[in-house]
Amino acid sequence: MLGGRLGIPEILLIMILLLVPNILLILAWWRIFTKAGHSGVIGVAMAIPVLNLGILLWFAFSKWPIENQAPAS
């Protein structure tokens, strides 16, 4: 970094370092939602700030579709 400016390689590195963890989180949420019986696409919405809090609360307190399929124990 010369004079406090970022060059193309530094910017690309920062973008990769920010993108990789977000992709992993989206994939993890996708898997969680599909295992609960919901659409995995909701996992993509978990990357949107504020919306993710609403989805998390809805997910925690709603009845999951998979509960309808499982036998009562």
N, C-alpha and C. Protein backbone atom coordinates (compact mmCIF):
# COMPACT_ATOMS: atom_id res chain seq x y z
N MET A 1 0.84 -1.17 0.00
CA MET A 1 0.00 0.00 0.00
C MET A 1 0.89 1.24 0.00
N LEU A 2 0.80 1.96 -1.05
CA LEU A 2 1.57 3.18 -1.16
C LEU A 2 0.66 4.37 -0.94
N GLY A 3 1.00 5.21 0.01
CA GLY A 3 0.23 6.41 0.25
C GLY A 3 -1.17 6.15 0.78
N GLY A 4 -1.41 5.00 1.40
CA GLY A 4 -2.72 4.69 1.95
C GLY A 4 -3.74 4.25 0.93
N ARG A 5 -3.34 4.00 -0.30
CA ARG A 5 -4.27 3.56 -1.33
C ARG A 5 -4.20 2.05 -1.48
N LEU A 6 -5.34 1.45 -1.76
CA LEU A 6 -5.39 0.02 -2.00
C LEU A 6 -5.31 -0.24 -3.50
N GLY A 7 -4.50 -1.20 -3.86
CA GLY A 7 -4.42 -1.59 -5.26
C GLY A 7 -5.41 -2.71 -5.55
N ILE A 8 -5.45 -3.11 -6.80
CA ILE A 8 -6.36 -4.17 -7.24
C ILE A 8 -6.12 -5.48 -6.47
N PRO A 9 -4.88 -5.93 -6.29
CA PRO A 9 -4.68 -7.19 -5.55
C PRO A 9 -5.19 -7.13 -4.11
N GLU A 10 -4.99 -6.01 -3.45
CA GLU A 10 -5.46 -5.89 -2.07
C GLU A 10 -6.98 -5.89 -2.00
N ILE A 11 -7.61 -5.20 -2.94
CA ILE A 11 -9.07 -5.14 -2.97
C ILE A 11 -9.64 -6.54 -3.24
N LEU A 12 -9.05 -7.27 -4.18
CA LEU A 12 -9.52 -8.63 -4.47
C LEU A 12 -9.35 -9.54 -3.26
N LEU A 13 -8.26 -9.42 -2.55
CA LEU A 13 -8.02 -10.23 -1.37
C LEU A 13 -9.07 -9.92 -0.29
N ILE A 14 -9.36 -8.66 -0.08
CA ILE A 14 -10.37 -8.27 0.90
C ILE A 14 -11.74 -8.81 0.49
N MET A 15 -12.08 -8.72 -0.79
CA MET A 15 -13.36 -9.23 -1.26
C MET A 15 -13.47 -10.73 -1.04
N ILE A 16 -12.41 -11.47 -1.32
CA ILE A 16 -12.41 -12.92 -1.12
C ILE A 16 -12.54 -13.26 0.36
N LEU A 17 -11.81 -12.53 1.20
CA LEU A 17 -11.86 -12.78 2.64
C LEU A 17 -13.24 -12.47 3.23
N LEU A 18 -13.98 -11.57 2.63
CA LEU A 18 -15.33 -11.27 3.09
C LEU A 18 -16.37 -12.20 2.47
N LEU A 19 -16.14 -12.65 1.26
CA LEU A 19 -17.11 -13.45 0.54
C LEU A 19 -17.14 -14.90 1.00
N VAL A 20 -16.00 -15.50 1.25
CA VAL A 20 -15.92 -16.92 1.59
C VAL A 20 -16.71 -17.25 2.87
N PRO A 21 -16.53 -16.52 3.98
CA PRO A 21 -17.33 -16.85 5.16
C PRO A 21 -18.84 -16.66 4.95
N ASN A 22 -19.21 -15.67 4.16
CA ASN A 22 -20.63 -15.46 3.89
C ASN A 22 -21.22 -16.61 3.08
N ILE A 23 -20.49 -17.11 2.12
CA ILE A 23 -20.96 -18.26 1.34
C ILE A 23 -21.10 -19.48 2.23
N LEU A 24 -20.15 -19.69 3.12
CA LEU A 24 -20.24 -20.83 4.04
C LEU A 24 -21.46 -20.71 4.96
N LEU A 25 -21.74 -19.50 5.44
CA LEU A 25 -22.92 -19.30 6.28
C LEU A 25 -24.21 -19.53 5.51
N ILE A 26 -24.27 -19.06 4.28
CA ILE A 26 -25.46 -19.27 3.46
C ILE A 26 -25.68 -20.76 3.23
N LEU A 27 -24.62 -21.50 2.93
CA LEU A 27 -24.74 -22.95 2.73
C LEU A 27 -25.19 -23.65 4.01
N ALA A 28 -24.67 -23.22 5.15
CA ALA A 28 -25.07 -23.82 6.42
C ALA A 28 -26.55 -23.56 6.71
N TRP A 29 -26.99 -22.31 6.52
CA TRP A 29 -28.39 -21.99 6.76
C TRP A 29 -29.28 -22.74 5.77
N TRP A 30 -28.83 -22.86 4.52
CA TRP A 30 -29.59 -23.61 3.50
C TRP A 30 -29.84 -25.03 3.98
N ARG A 31 -28.80 -25.65 4.49
CA ARG A 31 -28.89 -27.04 4.97
C ARG A 31 -29.83 -27.13 6.19
N ILE A 32 -29.73 -26.18 7.10
CA ILE A 32 -30.58 -26.18 8.29
C ILE A 32 -32.05 -26.05 7.89
N PHE A 33 -32.36 -25.12 6.99
CA PHE A 33 -33.74 -24.92 6.58
C PHE A 33 -34.29 -26.13 5.84
N THR A 34 -33.49 -26.77 4.99
CA THR A 34 -33.99 -27.95 4.28
C THR A 34 -34.20 -29.11 5.23
N LYS A 35 -33.36 -29.26 6.23
CA LYS A 35 -33.55 -30.34 7.20
C LYS A 35 -34.80 -30.12 8.04
N ALA A 36 -35.18 -28.86 8.23
CA ALA A 36 -36.39 -28.55 9.00
C ALA A 36 -37.65 -28.67 8.14
N GLY A 37 -37.48 -28.85 6.83
CA GLY A 37 -38.62 -29.01 5.93
C GLY A 37 -39.02 -27.74 5.21
N HIS A 38 -38.25 -26.67 5.37
CA HIS A 38 -38.52 -25.41 4.67
C HIS A 38 -37.68 -25.35 3.40
N SER A 39 -37.94 -24.35 2.58
CA SER A 39 -37.15 -24.14 1.37
C SER A 39 -35.75 -23.65 1.75
N GLY A 40 -34.74 -24.19 1.11
CA GLY A 40 -33.37 -23.78 1.38
C GLY A 40 -33.06 -22.37 0.94
N VAL A 41 -33.88 -21.82 0.05
CA VAL A 41 -33.66 -20.47 -0.45
C VAL A 41 -33.74 -19.44 0.67
N ILE A 42 -34.44 -19.78 1.74
CA ILE A 42 -34.53 -18.86 2.87
C ILE A 42 -33.14 -18.62 3.45
N GLY A 43 -32.23 -19.57 3.28
CA GLY A 43 -30.86 -19.41 3.76
C GLY A 43 -30.15 -18.25 3.11
N VAL A 44 -30.49 -17.95 1.87
CA VAL A 44 -29.89 -16.81 1.18
C VAL A 44 -30.35 -15.51 1.83
N ALA A 45 -31.60 -15.46 2.26
CA ALA A 45 -32.13 -14.26 2.91
C ALA A 45 -31.46 -14.01 4.25
N MET A 46 -30.85 -15.04 4.83
CA MET A 46 -30.17 -14.88 6.11
C MET A 46 -28.93 -14.00 5.98
N ALA A 47 -28.49 -13.72 4.77
CA ALA A 47 -27.33 -12.86 4.55
C ALA A 47 -27.72 -11.38 4.57
N ILE A 48 -29.01 -11.09 4.64
CA ILE A 48 -29.48 -9.70 4.63
C ILE A 48 -29.67 -9.23 6.07
N PRO A 49 -28.93 -8.21 6.48
CA PRO A 49 -29.07 -7.72 7.86
C PRO A 49 -30.49 -7.29 8.18
N VAL A 50 -30.89 -7.40 9.39
CA VAL A 50 -32.20 -7.10 9.95
C VAL A 50 -33.23 -8.15 9.52
N LEU A 51 -33.29 -8.47 8.24
CA LEU A 51 -34.19 -9.52 7.77
C LEU A 51 -33.82 -10.85 8.42
N ASN A 52 -32.51 -11.08 8.62
CA ASN A 52 -32.09 -12.34 9.21
C ASN A 52 -32.61 -12.50 10.65
N LEU A 53 -32.73 -11.41 11.38
CA LEU A 53 -33.27 -11.49 12.74
C LEU A 53 -34.75 -11.89 12.71
N GLY A 54 -35.49 -11.30 11.80
CA GLY A 54 -36.90 -11.66 11.65
C GLY A 54 -37.08 -13.11 11.25
N ILE A 55 -36.27 -13.58 10.31
CA ILE A 55 -36.35 -14.97 9.86
C ILE A 55 -35.97 -15.91 11.01
N LEU A 56 -34.94 -15.56 11.75
CA LEU A 56 -34.52 -16.40 12.86
C LEU A 56 -35.63 -16.53 13.90
N LEU A 57 -36.30 -15.43 14.24
CA LEU A 57 -37.40 -15.48 15.19
C LEU A 57 -38.57 -16.30 14.65
N TRP A 58 -38.91 -16.09 13.38
CA TRP A 58 -39.97 -16.87 12.75
C TRP A 58 -39.61 -18.36 12.77
N PHE A 59 -38.39 -18.68 12.43
CA PHE A 59 -37.93 -20.06 12.36
C PHE A 59 -37.96 -20.72 13.74
N ALA A 60 -37.59 -19.98 14.76
CA ALA A 60 -37.53 -20.53 16.11
C ALA A 60 -38.92 -20.80 16.68
N PHE A 61 -39.89 -19.95 16.37
CA PHE A 61 -41.19 -20.04 17.03
C PHE A 61 -42.32 -20.57 16.16
N SER A 62 -42.05 -20.88 14.90
CA SER A 62 -43.10 -21.43 14.04
C SER A 62 -43.07 -22.95 14.08
N LYS A 63 -44.15 -23.55 13.59
CA LYS A 63 -44.20 -25.00 13.47
C LYS A 63 -43.48 -25.41 12.19
N TRP A 64 -42.58 -26.34 12.31
CA TRP A 64 -41.79 -26.77 11.16
C TRP A 64 -42.56 -27.80 10.35
N PRO A 65 -42.46 -27.76 9.02
CA PRO A 65 -43.15 -28.75 8.18
C PRO A 65 -42.73 -30.18 8.50
N ILE A 66 -41.52 -30.38 8.91
CA ILE A 66 -41.06 -31.73 9.19
C ILE A 66 -41.75 -32.31 10.42
N GLU A 67 -42.28 -31.46 11.30
CA GLU A 67 -43.00 -31.95 12.48
C GLU A 67 -44.30 -32.65 12.07
N ASN A 68 -44.85 -32.28 10.94
CA ASN A 68 -46.08 -32.94 10.46
C ASN A 68 -45.80 -34.35 9.96
N GLN A 69 -44.58 -34.61 9.51
CA GLN A 69 -44.22 -35.90 8.94
C GLN A 69 -43.74 -36.89 9.99
N ALA A 70 -43.14 -36.38 11.07
CA ALA A 70 -42.55 -37.26 12.09
C ALA A 70 -43.64 -37.84 12.97
N PRO A 71 -43.48 -39.10 13.35
CA PRO A 71 -44.47 -39.68 14.27
C PRO A 71 -44.33 -39.09 15.66
N ALA A 72 -45.45 -38.95 16.36
CA ALA A 72 -45.41 -38.39 17.72
C ALA A 72 -44.74 -39.37 18.66
N SER A 73 -43.86 -38.84 19.49
CA SER A 73 -43.16 -39.75 20.41
C SER A 73 -43.59 -39.54 21.84
